[in-house]
Amino acid sequence: MIRPLLLSSLLISFLTACNPERVHYTNELKEEMADSKIKRITNTDLVETVDNLGGKVSAVVQKELTTQLQKMTDPAGRAKLCQLQNMPRTKAIAEHYALDIRLLGATDIQNKTLNSKEREILDAYLYSAKQKQSPISNIQKINDTLFVYNAAVPANSPICEACFGKQETPFAVWHLGFQKREVIRRMSETKKRK
């Protein structure tokens, strides 16, 4: 009599110990523990990683938008593309890297929702475009947790006219908002692969 009771209590405790939710959180727990480890990362390391990722991401997104705009003739569809809607690759990249991806134009220089540093950078990009200077990418540390990578769209790109209409100076700039935590996570993944 004691034996079946003992076996049934062992079986019940075994089944409750094998809770599937517990397994579900194991990967998240490992990731959280890895994030909380002390790492020596300099600002130079962070900027270098943002620059590397930003260059790759902006090139891919620009290529996808250009390709989609060339296929689309409907003005409403083009407007959605310029808002980066209906672009599966861009959406996947934004989700994978936890990125804020936007296409900005000359009117965004007055956009108060953007950080003042970024508005100044946009103004400098517009000035460079008017002077026909070759623009270079820019990285701004907005606060302790956010880096913004900006890259100008080439003036001869169909993106400028399709998304911002006829302009005296063709102008568009990519905004990629990187969360510091995600950048550090990417740096850790890269080191593990080496």
Foldseek 3Di string as FASTA:
>chain_A
DVVVVVVVVVVVVVVVVVDVVVVVCPVVVVLVVVLPDDDDDDPVNLVVLCVVVVVVLVVVLLVQLLVVCVVDDDLVVLQCVQQVPPRVVNVVVCVVLVKDKHKDWPVCLPVPVDQPVVSVVQVVQVVCQVVVHQDDWDWDDRDPFKIKIKDWDDQPRPSQCSHPNDDPGRTMMIIIIGTSSSSVVVVVVVVVVD
